[in-house]
Amino acid sequence: MAKIETADVFGAGRRSGGGSLYAYRVRGLRRSWVVLWVGGRDDEPDQVLALPEAEHCQVPVFMTVRQARAYVSRRGRRLATSEADTLELVRVEHWLENPMRRRVPSGGVLEAWNFFEDLARGLGEVHRLPEQSVVHDSAYEKLFGGDRPAWTPDEQRAVVELITAGVELWNSCPVLVKPCSS
């Protein structure tokens, strides 16, 4: 699916191409920022907002929700909520250090999985995540079911591979710190 163009998200009063905007805090070992998350409209998937540049997209990032809110406001939009949800990526990264011996932070892994898919879509970099198969679907359903997932070895490998690729995508994606609003 094509990424949402910035003009579509921030066009004066227009909402075509992008749904509601949310501030989303991501706390990781190497990067901790507030990003803007675009809720998909109708059948469109959600994605992290990325601004097109000459050779690649950049994710606008902010230190605080207030900065993100001001940026969005100056562009003629409003955040859908005044608060920001937080992805505690540090817990997930800690688990990745030894996934066979550490307890799976199910909620964190589920949130990270969703975030990484949305980030990859926003950047137009879905190829940076492993292609998902029925093994991924099964592992995801077990995560979604709550508590501690009883993954098969293949499911465990698939989740670790996907989350590892997602962490690498987050840590390496081009960012634009506190971008101008013009």
C-alpha atoms as a PDB file:
ATOM      1  CA  MET A   1       0.000   0.000   0.000  1.00  0.00           C
ATOM      2  CA  ALA A   2       1.276   3.474  -0.835  1.00  0.00           C
ATOM      3  CA  LYS A   3       2.384   5.733   1.940  1.00  0.00           C
ATOM      4  CA  ILE A   4       0.204   8.669   2.903  1.00  0.00           C
ATOM      5  CA  GLU A   5       1.453  11.866   1.326  1.00  0.00           C
ATOM      6  CA  THR A   6       2.175  14.711   3.724  1.00  0.00           C
ATOM      7  CA  ALA A   7      -0.114  17.044   1.772  1.00  0.00           C
ATOM      8  CA  ASP A   8      -2.977  14.589   2.263  1.00  0.00           C
ATOM      9  CA  VAL A   9      -2.443  14.469   6.015  1.00  0.00           C
ATOM     10  CA  PHE A  10      -1.849  18.172   6.537  1.00  0.00           C
ATOM     11  CA  GLY A  11      -3.907  19.722   3.736  1.00  0.00           C
ATOM     12  CA  ALA A  12      -6.027  22.640   4.952  1.00  0.00           C
ATOM     13  CA  GLY A  13      -9.096  20.992   6.363  1.00  0.00           C
ATOM     14  CA  ARG A  14      -8.668  17.924   4.174  1.00  0.00           C
ATOM     15  CA  ARG A  15      -8.598  14.457   5.580  1.00  0.00           C
ATOM     16  CA  SER A  16      -8.334  12.428   2.403  1.00  0.00           C
ATOM     17  CA  GLY A  17      -5.606   9.842   2.523  1.00  0.00           C
ATOM     18  CA  GLY A  18      -5.134   9.938   6.263  1.00  0.00           C
ATOM     19  CA  GLY A  19      -7.211   9.486   9.337  1.00  0.00           C
ATOM     20  CA  SER A  20      -6.777  10.868  12.802  1.00  0.00           C
ATOM     21  CA  LEU A  21      -3.344  11.811  14.096  1.00  0.00           C
ATOM     22  CA  TYR A  22      -2.020  10.519  17.405  1.00  0.00           C
ATOM     23  CA  ALA A  23       1.167  11.174  19.327  1.00  0.00           C
ATOM     24  CA  TYR A  24       2.898   7.903  20.210  1.00  0.00           C
ATOM     25  CA  ARG A  25       5.875   7.706  22.571  1.00  0.00           C
ATOM     26  CA  VAL A  26       8.478   5.030  21.853  1.00  0.00           C
ATOM     27  CA  ARG A  27      11.022   4.379  24.628  1.00  0.00           C
ATOM     28  CA  GLY A  28      13.899   2.256  23.392  1.00  0.00           C
ATOM     29  CA  LEU A  29      17.473   1.582  24.431  1.00  0.00           C
ATOM     30  CA  ARG A  30      18.979   3.631  21.580  1.00  0.00           C
ATOM     31  CA  ARG A  31      16.095   5.909  20.631  1.00  0.00           C
ATOM     32  CA  SER A  32      13.282   7.443  22.613  1.00  0.00           C
ATOM     33  CA  TRP A  33      11.000   9.831  20.764  1.00  0.00           C
ATOM     34  CA  VAL A  34       7.421  10.862  20.232  1.00  0.00           C
ATOM     35  CA  VAL A  35       6.227  10.058  16.707  1.00  0.00           C
ATOM     36  CA  LEU A  36       2.997  10.856  14.893  1.00  0.00           C
ATOM     37  CA  TRP A  37       0.807   7.903  14.110  1.00  0.00           C
ATOM     38  CA  VAL A  38      -1.865   8.112  11.411  1.00  0.00           C
ATOM     39  CA  GLY A  39      -4.976   6.022  11.916  1.00  0.00           C
ATOM     40  CA  GLY A  40      -6.066   4.426   8.650  1.00  0.00           C
ATOM     41  CA  ARG A  41      -9.416   5.418   7.227  1.00  0.00           C
ATOM     42  CA  ASP A  42     -11.867   2.818   6.007  1.00  0.00           C
ATOM     43  CA  ASP A  43      -9.784  -0.133   4.777  1.00  0.00           C
ATOM     44  CA  GLU A  44      -6.466   1.727   4.781  1.00  0.00           C
ATOM     45  CA  PRO A  45      -3.878   0.453   7.263  1.00  0.00           C
ATOM     46  CA  ASP A  46      -2.436   2.602  10.035  1.00  0.00           C
ATOM     47  CA  GLN A  47       1.074   3.968   9.681  1.00  0.00           C
ATOM     48  CA  VAL A  48       3.673   6.151  11.308  1.00  0.00           C
ATOM     49  CA  LEU A  49       3.889   9.540   9.617  1.00  0.00           C
ATOM     50  CA  ALA A  50       6.981   9.926   7.440  1.00  0.00           C
ATOM     51  CA  LEU A  51       7.897  12.980   5.393  1.00  0.00           C
ATOM     52  CA  PRO A  52       9.100  12.412   1.840  1.00  0.00           C
ATOM     53  CA  GLU A  53      12.654  13.504   1.070  1.00  0.00           C
ATOM     54  CA  ALA A  54      14.730  13.243  -2.087  1.00  0.00           C
ATOM     55  CA  GLU A  55      15.958   9.660  -1.618  1.00  0.00           C
ATOM     56  CA  HIS A  56      14.001   8.392   1.371  1.00  0.00           C
ATOM     57  CA  CYS A  57      11.372   9.288   3.928  1.00  0.00           C
ATOM     58  CA  GLN A  58      12.112  10.747   7.343  1.00  0.00           C
ATOM     59  CA  VAL A  59      10.082  10.255  10.494  1.00  0.00           C
ATOM     60  CA  PRO A  60       9.400  13.538  12.290  1.00  0.00           C
ATOM     61  CA  VAL A  61      10.215  12.981  15.975  1.00  0.00           C
ATOM     62  CA  PHE A  62       9.696  15.091  19.065  1.00  0.00           C
ATOM     63  CA  MET A  63      10.940  15.122  22.643  1.00  0.00           C
ATOM     64  CA  THR A  64       7.472  15.784  24.057  1.00  0.00           C
ATOM     65  CA  VAL A  65       3.828  15.363  23.153  1.00  0.00           C
ATOM     66  CA  ARG A  66       3.482  19.130  23.487  1.00  0.00           C
ATOM     67  CA  GLN A  67       6.025  19.649  20.683  1.00  0.00           C
ATOM     68  CA  ALA A  68       4.180  17.139  18.488  1.00  0.00           C
ATOM     69  CA  ARG A  69       0.851  18.839  19.235  1.00  0.00           C
ATOM     70  CA  ALA A  70       2.289  22.279  18.332  1.00  0.00           C
ATOM     71  CA  TYR A  71       3.735  20.906  15.071  1.00  0.00           C
ATOM     72  CA  VAL A  72       0.425  19.366  14.074  1.00  0.00           C
ATOM     73  CA  SER A  73      -1.490  22.505  15.074  1.00  0.00           C
ATOM     74  CA  ARG A  74       0.757  24.736  12.954  1.00  0.00           C
ATOM     75  CA  ARG A  75      -0.041  22.445  10.029  1.00  0.00           C
ATOM     76  CA  GLY A  76      -3.789  22.978  10.479  1.00  0.00           C
ATOM     77  CA  ARG A  77      -4.602  19.687  12.210  1.00  0.00           C
ATOM     78  CA  ARG A  78      -5.223  18.479  15.746  1.00  0.00           C
ATOM     79  CA  LEU A  79      -4.217  15.363  17.597  1.00  0.00           C
ATOM     80  CA  ALA A  80      -7.148  13.026  18.178  1.00  0.00           C
ATOM     81  CA  THR A  81      -6.331  12.818  21.907  1.00  0.00           C
ATOM     82  CA  SER A  82      -4.356  14.979  24.305  1.00  0.00           C
ATOM     83  CA  GLU A  83      -2.432  12.000  25.706  1.00  0.00           C
ATOM     84  CA  ALA A  84       0.061   9.656  24.098  1.00  0.00           C
ATOM     85  CA  ASP A  85       0.258   5.909  24.432  1.00  0.00           C
ATOM     86  CA  THR A  86       3.736   4.582  25.160  1.00  0.00           C
ATOM     87  CA  LEU A  87       5.576   1.624  23.701  1.00  0.00           C
ATOM     88  CA  GLU A  88       8.099   0.453  26.297  1.00  0.00           C
ATOM     89  CA  LEU A  89      10.478  -0.927  23.694  1.00  0.00           C
ATOM     90  CA  VAL A  90      13.236  -1.276  26.314  1.00  0.00           C
ATOM     91  CA  ARG A  91      11.374  -4.266  27.811  1.00  0.00           C
ATOM     92  CA  VAL A  92      11.113  -5.896  24.390  1.00  0.00           C
ATOM     93  CA  GLU A  93      14.782  -5.228  23.598  1.00  0.00           C
ATOM     94  CA  HIS A  94      15.750  -6.712  26.963  1.00  0.00           C
ATOM     95  CA  TRP A  95      13.728  -9.838  26.128  1.00  0.00           C
ATOM     96  CA  LEU A  96      15.461 -10.074  22.720  1.00  0.00           C
ATOM     97  CA  GLU A  97      18.831 -10.370  24.469  1.00  0.00           C
ATOM     98  CA  ASN A  98      17.823 -13.889  25.553  1.00  0.00           C
ATOM     99  CA  PRO A  99      14.347 -14.804  24.269  1.00  0.00           C
ATOM    100  CA  MET A 100      14.646 -18.482  25.156  1.00  0.00           C
ATOM    101  CA  ARG A 101      15.230 -17.819  28.855  1.00  0.00           C
ATOM    102  CA  ARG A 102      13.351 -14.589  29.519  1.00  0.00           C
ATOM    103  CA  ARG A 103       9.638 -14.244  30.008  1.00  0.00           C
ATOM    104  CA  VAL A 104       7.931 -12.821  26.925  1.00  0.00           C
ATOM    105  CA  PRO A 105       6.526  -9.330  27.608  1.00  0.00           C
ATOM    106  CA  SER A 106       3.411 -10.247  25.607  1.00  0.00           C
ATOM    107  CA  GLY A 107       1.779  -6.824  25.588  1.00  0.00           C
ATOM    108  CA  GLY A 108       5.031  -5.106  24.691  1.00  0.00           C
ATOM    109  CA  VAL A 109       5.844  -7.565  21.911  1.00  0.00           C
ATOM    110  CA  LEU A 110       2.332  -7.201  20.457  1.00  0.00           C
ATOM    111  CA  GLU A 111       2.574  -3.382  20.558  1.00  0.00           C
ATOM    112  CA  ALA A 112       6.081  -3.480  19.076  1.00  0.00           C
ATOM    113  CA  TRP A 113       4.960  -5.802  16.263  1.00  0.00           C
ATOM    114  CA  ASN A 114       2.105  -3.436  15.359  1.00  0.00           C
ATOM    115  CA  PHE A 115       4.363  -0.380  15.620  1.00  0.00           C
ATOM    116  CA  PHE A 116       7.051  -1.896  13.392  1.00  0.00           C
ATOM    117  CA  GLU A 117       4.501  -2.770  10.698  1.00  0.00           C
ATOM    118  CA  ASP A 118       3.105   0.790  10.844  1.00  0.00           C
ATOM    119  CA  LEU A 119       6.617   2.267  10.791  1.00  0.00           C
ATOM    120  CA  ALA A 120       7.632   0.172   7.787  1.00  0.00           C
ATOM    121  CA  ARG A 121       4.460   1.205   5.923  1.00  0.00           C
ATOM    122  CA  GLY A 122       5.032   4.886   6.671  1.00  0.00           C
ATOM    123  CA  LEU A 123       8.618   4.729   5.466  1.00  0.00           C
ATOM    124  CA  GLY A 124       7.742   2.646   2.412  1.00  0.00           C
ATOM    125  CA  GLU A 125      10.172   0.047   3.773  1.00  0.00           C
ATOM    126  CA  VAL A 126       7.963  -3.015   4.303  1.00  0.00           C
ATOM    127  CA  HIS A 127      10.668  -5.140   2.682  1.00  0.00           C
ATOM    128  CA  ARG A 128      12.826  -4.518   5.788  1.00  0.00           C
ATOM    129  CA  LEU A 129      10.549  -6.782   7.845  1.00  0.00           C
ATOM    130  CA  PRO A 130      10.336 -10.512   7.197  1.00  0.00           C
ATOM    131  CA  GLU A 131       7.527 -11.579   4.900  1.00  0.00           C
ATOM    132  CA  GLN A 132       4.833 -12.904   7.183  1.00  0.00           C
ATOM    133  CA  SER A 133       3.514 -16.423   6.872  1.00  0.00           C
ATOM    134  CA  VAL A 134       0.984 -18.656   8.605  1.00  0.00           C
ATOM    135  CA  VAL A 135       3.617 -19.206  11.324  1.00  0.00           C
ATOM    136  CA  HIS A 136       3.615 -15.457  12.022  1.00  0.00           C
ATOM    137  CA  ASP A 137      -0.186 -15.394  11.986  1.00  0.00           C
ATOM    138  CA  SER A 138      -0.334 -18.209  14.520  1.00  0.00           C
ATOM    139  CA  ALA A 139       2.246 -16.568  16.795  1.00  0.00           C
ATOM    140  CA  TYR A 140       0.417 -13.227  16.555  1.00  0.00           C
ATOM    141  CA  GLU A 141      -2.907 -14.823  17.469  1.00  0.00           C
ATOM    142  CA  LYS A 142      -1.305 -16.365  20.555  1.00  0.00           C
ATOM    143  CA  LEU A 143       0.100 -12.965  21.537  1.00  0.00           C
ATOM    144  CA  PHE A 144      -3.262 -11.350  20.946  1.00  0.00           C
ATOM    145  CA  GLY A 145      -4.864 -13.973  23.173  1.00  0.00           C
ATOM    146  CA  GLY A 146      -3.018 -12.550  26.154  1.00  0.00           C
ATOM    147  CA  ASP A 147      -0.945 -13.934  28.993  1.00  0.00           C
ATOM    148  CA  ARG A 148       2.131 -15.935  28.102  1.00  0.00           C
ATOM    149  CA  PRO A 149       2.088 -17.349  24.579  1.00  0.00           C
ATOM    150  CA  ALA A 150       2.894 -21.044  24.179  1.00  0.00           C
ATOM    151  CA  TRP A 151       4.784 -20.698  20.909  1.00  0.00           C
ATOM    152  CA  THR A 152       6.176 -23.545  18.899  1.00  0.00           C
ATOM    153  CA  PRO A 153       9.924 -23.282  18.151  1.00  0.00           C
ATOM    154  CA  ASP A 154       9.074 -22.079  14.618  1.00  0.00           C
ATOM    155  CA  GLU A 155       6.728 -19.403  15.981  1.00  0.00           C
ATOM    156  CA  GLN A 156       9.342 -18.268  18.500  1.00  0.00           C
ATOM    157  CA  ARG A 157      11.962 -17.946  15.733  1.00  0.00           C
ATOM    158  CA  ALA A 158       9.521 -16.041  13.513  1.00  0.00           C
ATOM    159  CA  VAL A 159       8.652 -13.577  16.283  1.00  0.00           C
ATOM    160  CA  VAL A 160      12.279 -13.032  17.274  1.00  0.00           C
ATOM    161  CA  GLU A 161      13.244 -12.485  13.623  1.00  0.00           C
ATOM    162  CA  LEU A 162      10.427  -9.991  13.035  1.00  0.00           C
ATOM    163  CA  ILE A 163      10.929  -8.050  16.271  1.00  0.00           C
ATOM    164  CA  THR A 164      14.716  -7.956  15.758  1.00  0.00           C
ATOM    165  CA  ALA A 165      14.211  -6.566  12.235  1.00  0.00           C
ATOM    166  CA  GLY A 166      11.709  -4.048  13.609  1.00  0.00           C
ATOM    167  CA  VAL A 167      14.103  -2.824  16.305  1.00  0.00           C
ATOM    168  CA  GLU A 168      16.795  -2.416  13.642  1.00  0.00           C
ATOM    169  CA  LEU A 169      14.350  -0.485  11.431  1.00  0.00           C
ATOM    170  CA  TRP A 170      13.434   1.837  14.318  1.00  0.00           C
ATOM    171  CA  ASN A 171      17.059   2.386  15.332  1.00  0.00           C
ATOM    172  CA  SER A 172      18.224   3.082  11.778  1.00  0.00           C
ATOM    173  CA  CYS A 173      15.348   4.911  10.114  1.00  0.00           C
ATOM    174  CA  PRO A 174      16.042   8.515   9.147  1.00  0.00           C
ATOM    175  CA  VAL A 175      14.464  10.957  11.571  1.00  0.00           C
ATOM    176  CA  LEU A 176      13.826  14.669  11.481  1.00  0.00           C
ATOM    177  CA  VAL A 177      14.124  15.989  15.032  1.00  0.00           C
ATOM    178  CA  LYS A 178      11.564  18.662  15.902  1.00  0.00           C
ATOM    179  CA  PRO A 179      10.872  19.598  12.273  1.00  0.00           C
ATOM    180  CA  CYS A 180       9.824  23.055  11.167  1.00  0.00           C
ATOM    181  CA  SER A 181       6.149  23.416  10.466  1.00  0.00           C
ATOM    182  CA  SER A 182       6.468  25.354   7.238  1.00  0.00           C
END
